[in-house]
Protein backbone atom coordinates (compact mmCIF):
# COMPACT_ATOMS: atom_id res chain seq x y z
CA MET A 1 91.08 86.69 78.59
CA TRP A 2 90.73 88.91 81.67
CA ASP A 3 91.51 87.57 85.13
CA VAL A 4 88.77 89.71 86.69
CA VAL A 5 85.93 91.82 85.34
CA ALA A 6 84.16 93.93 87.96
CA LEU A 7 80.90 95.82 87.67
CA GLY A 8 79.97 98.73 89.92
CA GLU A 9 80.64 102.21 91.17
CA VAL A 10 83.59 104.19 89.85
CA LEU A 11 83.70 107.48 91.73
CA ILE A 12 85.78 110.20 93.32
CA ASP A 13 86.74 109.97 97.00
CA PHE A 14 87.44 113.37 98.53
CA THR A 15 89.72 112.61 101.47
CA PRO A 16 90.79 115.02 104.27
CA GLU A 17 94.01 116.89 103.59
CA GLY A 18 94.40 119.20 106.57
CA LYS A 19 93.10 122.77 106.80
CA ASN A 20 93.77 126.02 104.98
CA ASP A 21 95.00 129.26 106.56
CA GLN A 22 91.45 130.11 107.60
CA GLY A 23 90.95 126.78 109.36
CA ALA A 24 88.58 125.34 106.74
CA ALA A 25 88.94 121.66 105.86
CA LEU A 26 90.84 120.76 102.69
CA PHE A 27 90.08 117.64 100.65
CA SER A 28 92.17 115.86 98.03
CA CYS A 29 90.52 114.35 94.94
CA ASN A 30 91.24 110.59 94.80
CA PRO A 31 89.91 108.15 92.17
CA GLY A 32 88.05 105.28 93.83
CA GLY A 33 84.98 103.12 94.12
CA ALA A 34 85.29 99.64 95.62
CA PRO A 35 85.17 97.61 92.36
CA ALA A 36 87.71 99.96 90.76
CA ASN A 37 90.02 99.63 93.77
CA VAL A 38 89.79 95.82 93.65
CA LEU A 39 90.71 95.80 89.96
CA ALA A 40 93.57 98.26 90.38
CA MET A 41 95.10 96.14 93.14
CA ASN A 42 94.95 93.03 90.97
CA ALA A 43 96.42 94.90 87.99
CA LYS A 44 99.26 96.27 90.12
CA LEU A 45 100.20 92.69 90.95
CA GLY A 46 100.29 91.85 87.26
CA GLY A 47 96.73 90.67 86.61
CA LYS A 48 94.54 91.53 83.62
CA THR A 49 91.39 93.36 84.71
CA ALA A 50 88.49 95.30 83.20
CA VAL A 51 85.76 97.51 84.62
CA ILE A 52 82.06 97.84 83.76
CA GLY A 53 80.49 101.05 85.05
CA LYS A 54 79.31 104.56 84.24
CA VAL A 55 80.78 108.02 84.83
CA GLY A 56 79.68 111.52 83.88
CA ARG A 57 80.90 113.55 80.95
CA ASP A 58 82.94 115.77 83.23
CA ALA A 59 86.45 116.32 84.55
CA PHE A 60 85.92 113.74 87.31
CA GLY A 61 84.88 111.08 84.81
CA ASP A 62 87.91 111.88 82.67
CA LEU A 63 90.17 111.59 85.73
CA LEU A 64 88.73 108.19 86.64
CA ARG A 65 89.11 106.84 83.12
CA ARG A 66 92.68 108.12 82.87
CA THR A 67 93.67 106.81 86.32
CA LEU A 68 92.32 103.32 85.68
CA LEU A 69 94.12 103.16 82.34
CA GLU A 70 97.36 104.29 83.98
CA ASN A 71 96.91 101.54 86.57
CA GLY A 72 96.45 98.82 83.98
CA VAL A 73 92.65 98.45 84.09
CA ASP A 74 90.79 98.07 80.77
CA VAL A 75 88.10 100.79 80.55
CA GLU A 76 86.26 99.76 77.37
CA GLY A 77 83.25 98.97 79.59
CA LEU A 78 83.29 102.34 81.37
CA VAL A 79 80.30 104.11 79.81
CA THR A 80 79.84 107.90 79.82
CA ASP A 81 76.53 109.57 80.73
CA SER A 82 76.09 112.94 79.00
CA LYS A 83 73.55 114.35 81.50
CA ILE A 84 74.30 113.03 85.00
CA PRO A 85 77.59 113.87 86.74
CA THR A 86 80.15 111.44 88.13
CA THR A 87 79.35 110.20 91.64
CA LEU A 88 81.28 111.85 94.49
CA ALA A 89 81.99 110.61 98.03
CA PHE A 90 83.44 112.68 100.87
CA VAL A 91 85.46 110.66 103.39
CA GLN A 92 85.71 111.64 107.05
CA LEU A 93 88.53 110.10 109.06
CA SER A 94 88.65 109.44 112.81
CA GLN A 95 91.90 109.88 114.75
CA ALA A 96 92.52 106.16 114.29
CA GLY A 97 92.16 106.48 110.51
CA GLU A 98 88.71 104.83 110.36
CA ARG A 99 86.45 106.37 107.75
CA THR A 100 82.81 107.27 107.17
CA PHE A 101 81.30 108.36 103.86
CA THR A 102 78.92 111.03 102.58
CA PHE A 103 77.77 110.41 98.99
CA TYR A 104 76.57 112.88 96.36
CA ARG A 105 74.59 110.47 94.24
CA LYS A 106 70.87 111.20 93.87
CA PRO A 107 71.44 110.25 91.18
CA GLY A 108 75.07 109.82 90.22
CA ALA A 109 76.22 108.42 86.90
CA ASP A 110 77.16 105.02 88.37
CA LEU A 111 73.55 104.38 89.41
CA LEU A 112 72.32 104.80 85.82
CA LEU A 113 74.17 101.82 84.36
CA THR A 114 71.74 99.65 82.39
CA PHE A 115 71.93 96.01 81.32
CA GLU A 116 71.99 97.27 77.74
CA ASP A 117 75.26 99.07 78.57
CA VAL A 118 76.90 95.71 79.33
CA LYS A 119 78.40 93.68 76.49
CA ARG A 120 78.23 89.94 77.07
CA GLU A 121 81.69 89.34 75.58
CA TRP A 122 83.21 91.19 78.56
CA ILE A 123 81.80 88.45 80.78
CA ASP A 124 82.55 85.62 78.35
CA LEU A 125 86.24 86.57 78.40
CA CYS A 126 86.81 86.69 82.17
CA ARG A 127 87.78 84.15 84.81
CA ILE A 128 86.30 85.97 87.83
CA PHE A 129 83.27 88.28 87.85
CA HIS A 130 83.13 90.63 90.84
CA PHE A 131 80.43 92.99 92.08
CA GLY A 132 79.32 94.76 95.25
CA SER A 133 76.13 96.02 96.86
CA VAL A 134 76.53 99.75 96.15
CA SER A 135 75.26 99.09 92.62
CA LEU A 136 72.23 97.33 94.16
CA THR A 137 70.99 100.45 95.96
CA GLY A 138 68.75 101.65 93.12
CA GLU A 139 67.58 101.20 89.54
CA PRO A 140 68.57 100.73 86.78
CA ALA A 141 71.99 99.68 88.16
CA ARG A 142 70.40 97.09 90.46
CA SER A 143 68.81 95.12 87.63
CA ALA A 144 71.90 95.52 85.44
CA THR A 145 74.11 94.15 88.20
CA LEU A 146 71.97 91.13 89.09
CA LYS A 147 71.32 90.22 85.45
CA THR A 148 75.03 90.43 84.63
CA ALA A 149 75.98 88.38 87.69
CA SER A 150 73.37 85.75 86.78
CA TYR A 151 74.73 85.59 83.23
CA ALA A 152 78.28 85.18 84.56
CA LYS A 153 77.06 82.38 86.83
CA GLU A 154 75.44 80.62 83.87
CA GLN A 155 78.74 80.83 81.99
CA GLY A 156 80.57 79.07 84.82
CA LYS A 157 82.59 82.06 85.98
CA LEU A 158 83.85 82.34 89.56
CA ILE A 159 81.51 84.89 91.16
CA SER A 160 82.88 87.24 93.83
CA PHE A 161 80.66 89.49 95.96
CA ASP A 162 81.44 92.19 98.52
CA PRO A 163 78.37 93.57 100.38
CA ASN A 164 80.31 96.79 101.15
CA TYR A 165 77.41 98.12 103.25
CA ARG A 166 77.04 101.92 103.26
CA PRO A 167 73.95 102.82 105.39
CA PHE A 168 73.67 106.32 103.87
CA LEU A 169 72.83 104.82 100.46
CA TRP A 170 69.91 102.61 101.55
CA GLU A 171 66.29 103.40 102.35
CA SER A 172 66.46 101.05 105.33
CA ARG A 173 68.58 98.31 106.87
CA GLU A 174 65.90 95.78 105.88
CA ASP A 175 66.08 96.86 102.23
CA ALA A 176 69.86 96.56 102.30
CA LYS A 177 69.71 93.05 103.75
CA ALA A 178 67.14 91.91 101.18
CA GLN A 179 69.16 93.12 98.20
CA ILE A 180 72.49 91.91 99.60
CA GLN A 181 71.00 88.43 100.05
CA LYS A 182 70.35 88.38 96.30
CA GLY A 183 74.03 89.01 95.70
CA ILE A 184 75.09 86.34 98.18
CA SER A 185 72.83 83.77 96.50
CA LEU A 186 74.90 84.13 93.31
CA ALA A 187 78.36 84.22 94.87
CA ASP A 188 81.13 81.62 95.15
CA LEU A 189 83.39 83.97 97.13
CA VAL A 190 81.89 86.35 99.71
CA LYS A 191 83.97 88.98 101.52
CA VAL A 192 82.30 90.72 104.49
CA SER A 193 83.30 93.04 107.32
CA GLU A 194 82.27 92.30 110.91
CA GLU A 195 79.34 94.71 110.58
CA GLU A 196 78.23 93.09 107.32
CA LEU A 197 78.48 89.61 108.82
CA ILE A 198 75.97 90.66 111.48
CA LEU A 199 73.72 92.30 108.87
CA VAL A 200 73.49 89.30 106.55
CA THR A 201 73.65 86.39 109.03
CA GLY A 202 72.23 87.85 112.24
CA THR A 203 75.26 86.88 114.31
CA SER A 204 78.69 88.27 115.18
CA ASP A 205 80.02 84.73 115.70
CA ARG A 206 82.44 84.23 112.82
CA GLN A 207 82.20 80.45 112.82
CA LEU A 208 78.41 80.41 112.86
CA GLY A 209 77.99 83.35 110.48
CA SER A 210 80.46 82.00 107.92
CA GLU A 211 78.81 78.57 108.11
CA ARG A 212 75.47 80.18 107.28
CA LEU A 213 77.03 81.86 104.23
CA LEU A 214 78.47 78.54 103.03
CA GLU A 215 75.01 77.04 103.41
CA GLN A 216 73.72 79.73 101.04
CA GLY A 217 76.09 78.54 98.32
CA ALA A 218 79.45 80.24 98.89
CA SER A 219 82.62 78.14 98.54
CA LEU A 220 84.83 80.62 100.40
CA VAL A 221 83.93 83.26 102.99
CA LEU A 222 86.38 85.97 104.02
CA VAL A 223 85.72 88.24 107.02
CA SER A 224 87.97 91.31 107.08
CA LEU A 225 88.74 92.38 110.64
CA GLY A 226 90.97 95.45 110.20
CA GLU A 227 93.87 95.50 112.63
CA LYS A 228 92.88 92.02 113.86
CA GLY A 229 93.52 90.46 110.45
CA ALA A 230 91.04 88.29 108.55
CA PHE A 231 88.98 85.16 109.15
CA TYR A 232 88.42 82.59 106.41
CA ARG A 233 86.11 79.63 106.05
CA ASN A 234 85.67 77.12 103.26
CA HIS A 235 84.56 73.49 103.13
CA ALA A 236 88.01 72.30 104.26
CA GLY A 237 88.35 74.43 107.38
CA SER A 238 88.48 77.89 108.94
CA GLY A 239 90.86 80.13 110.82
CA LEU A 240 91.96 83.60 111.87
CA VAL A 241 95.06 85.00 110.18
CA PRO A 242 96.61 87.95 112.07
CA ALA A 243 97.28 91.31 110.43
CA TRP A 244 100.82 92.53 109.77
CA PRO A 245 102.02 95.51 111.84
CA VAL A 246 101.54 98.80 109.98
CA THR A 247 101.34 102.50 110.78
CA THR A 248 97.79 103.36 109.74
CA MET A 249 97.04 106.73 108.18
CA ASP A 250 93.85 106.05 106.17
CA THR A 251 91.87 102.79 105.95
CA THR A 252 90.13 103.75 102.68
CA GLY A 253 90.54 100.94 100.16
CA ALA A 254 92.17 98.46 102.58
CA GLY A 255 89.42 95.83 102.22
CA ASP A 256 89.45 96.30 98.46
CA ALA A 257 93.22 95.80 98.33
CA PHE A 258 92.81 92.63 100.41
CA LEU A 259 90.18 91.28 98.02
CA GLY A 260 92.08 92.33 94.90
CA ALA A 261 95.12 90.43 96.15
CA MET A 262 92.97 87.36 96.86
CA HIS A 263 91.53 87.48 93.34
CA TRP A 264 95.06 87.60 91.92
CA LEU A 265 96.05 84.54 93.92
CA LEU A 266 92.87 82.58 93.10
CA ARG A 267 92.50 83.28 89.39
CA GLY A 268 92.33 80.18 87.28
CA MET A 269 90.62 78.22 90.07
CA ARG A 270 87.05 76.91 90.03
CA ALA A 271 84.58 77.36 92.88
CA GLU A 272 84.94 73.76 94.02
CA GLU A 273 88.73 74.15 94.11
CA ILE A 274 88.71 77.20 96.36
CA GLY A 275 86.17 75.46 98.55
CA ASP A 276 88.56 72.56 99.09
CA LEU A 277 91.82 74.47 99.66
CA PRO A 278 93.38 73.09 102.87
CA PRO A 279 93.85 75.37 105.92
CA GLU A 280 97.62 75.65 105.50
CA LYS A 281 97.14 76.92 101.93
CA MET A 282 94.37 79.31 102.92
CA GLU A 283 96.52 80.78 105.68
CA GLU A 284 99.29 81.53 103.15
CA LEU A 285 96.84 83.24 100.80
CA VAL A 286 95.14 85.29 103.51
CA ALA A 287 98.48 86.36 104.98
CA PHE A 288 99.53 87.75 101.58
CA ALA A 289 96.17 89.54 101.16
CA ASN A 290 96.40 90.92 104.71
CA ALA A 291 99.73 92.50 103.83
CA ALA A 292 98.22 94.12 100.73
CA GLY A 293 95.36 95.56 102.76
CA GLY A 294 97.54 96.68 105.65
CA LEU A 295 100.11 98.45 103.48
CA THR A 296 97.30 100.37 101.75
CA THR A 297 96.44 102.02 105.08
CA GLU A 298 99.91 103.57 105.39
CA LYS A 299 99.09 106.14 102.70
CA LYS A 300 96.08 108.34 101.97
CA GLY A 301 93.53 107.50 99.34
CA ALA A 302 92.72 104.15 97.76
CA ILE A 303 94.21 103.56 94.30
CA PRO A 304 97.22 105.85 94.92
CA ALA A 305 98.04 103.87 98.09
CA LEU A 306 97.99 100.35 96.65
CA PRO A 307 101.24 98.39 97.20
CA GLY A 308 103.15 96.38 94.61
CA VAL A 309 104.38 92.79 94.81
CA GLU A 310 107.82 93.71 96.17
CA GLU A 311 106.34 95.81 98.98
CA ILE A 312 104.06 92.94 99.99
CA LEU A 313 106.85 90.36 99.89
CA GLN A 314 109.09 92.65 101.93
CA LYS A 315 106.33 92.91 104.54
CA THR A 316 105.62 89.16 104.70
CA GLY A 317 109.14 87.89 104.24
CA ARG A 318 107.63 84.95 102.36
CA PRO A 319 107.45 83.86 98.70
CA ILE A 320 104.24 84.36 96.73
CA PRO A 321 101.83 81.55 97.73
CA PRO A 322 101.26 79.14 94.81
CA SER A 323 97.57 78.71 94.03
CA GLY A 324 95.67 79.56 90.85
CA SER A 325 97.15 80.02 87.39
CA ARG A 326 99.19 83.19 87.03
CA THR A 327 99.74 82.83 83.30
CA VAL A 328 99.29 86.25 81.69
């Protein structure tokens, strides 16, 4: 039994690494992709996770497979495409560590995942099924993603969805919103950024926007707010949980670390249970996840920067919040 199975992009993030003697920008090669980052965070905390995706038959694909294995993620579902290369993303960082992305993916191997590539037993044997919107940006990955999520829903799995909006990958903002709404309609847990909250609900008001997402079927809504922390809303209440103080170097993977930590805390729980968690319990969970996300920003890259349990507990000064089953 896996705690989390995630479907989606597994790719290489090229992150800035200074300049050479001639003044040209240098980039380091970091394994990434939001679903992969989420799984790696969970696995680093002791969870059992598995990935469903597609990489190229190239050195980058080999690196991704090897890195995920080394980080405790099952890669049986990571399919290899013999003709299309592994997807690449170049990350640009602002002085504050905020990032923008340029993708080399027309197509990239991740976009060519088909429903036939997905084995149903991978879904049957998981507690949480997670996916994002990057795999909804084109076919055949779009159909594969929605069909797999629908199957997981039918099997009673807890469905987690992260819109993870990347404008560069969509034909238009309207197309993005339409496809992301399909993901939201299947989800029990929805994690959005402030920008994504506006995109999918039409408002920047966290209370109003999160209420609209609950009305669409979610049991728990999480709004990641960077240095301001995170906002949560379920059927029992809502609140803003402040971020922990950190020295930010690179925000890549911070939201994924936050969500991976939340998955680890919530595994074993049903949708109705997470919807009814009282505010005091939710604040404990979000505080732990905030620490995971914040600590990730203190190093460069995504997977290489993920913190372990002891680092998180040292940051929070609190015991691990009791919630879902942590039986391995």
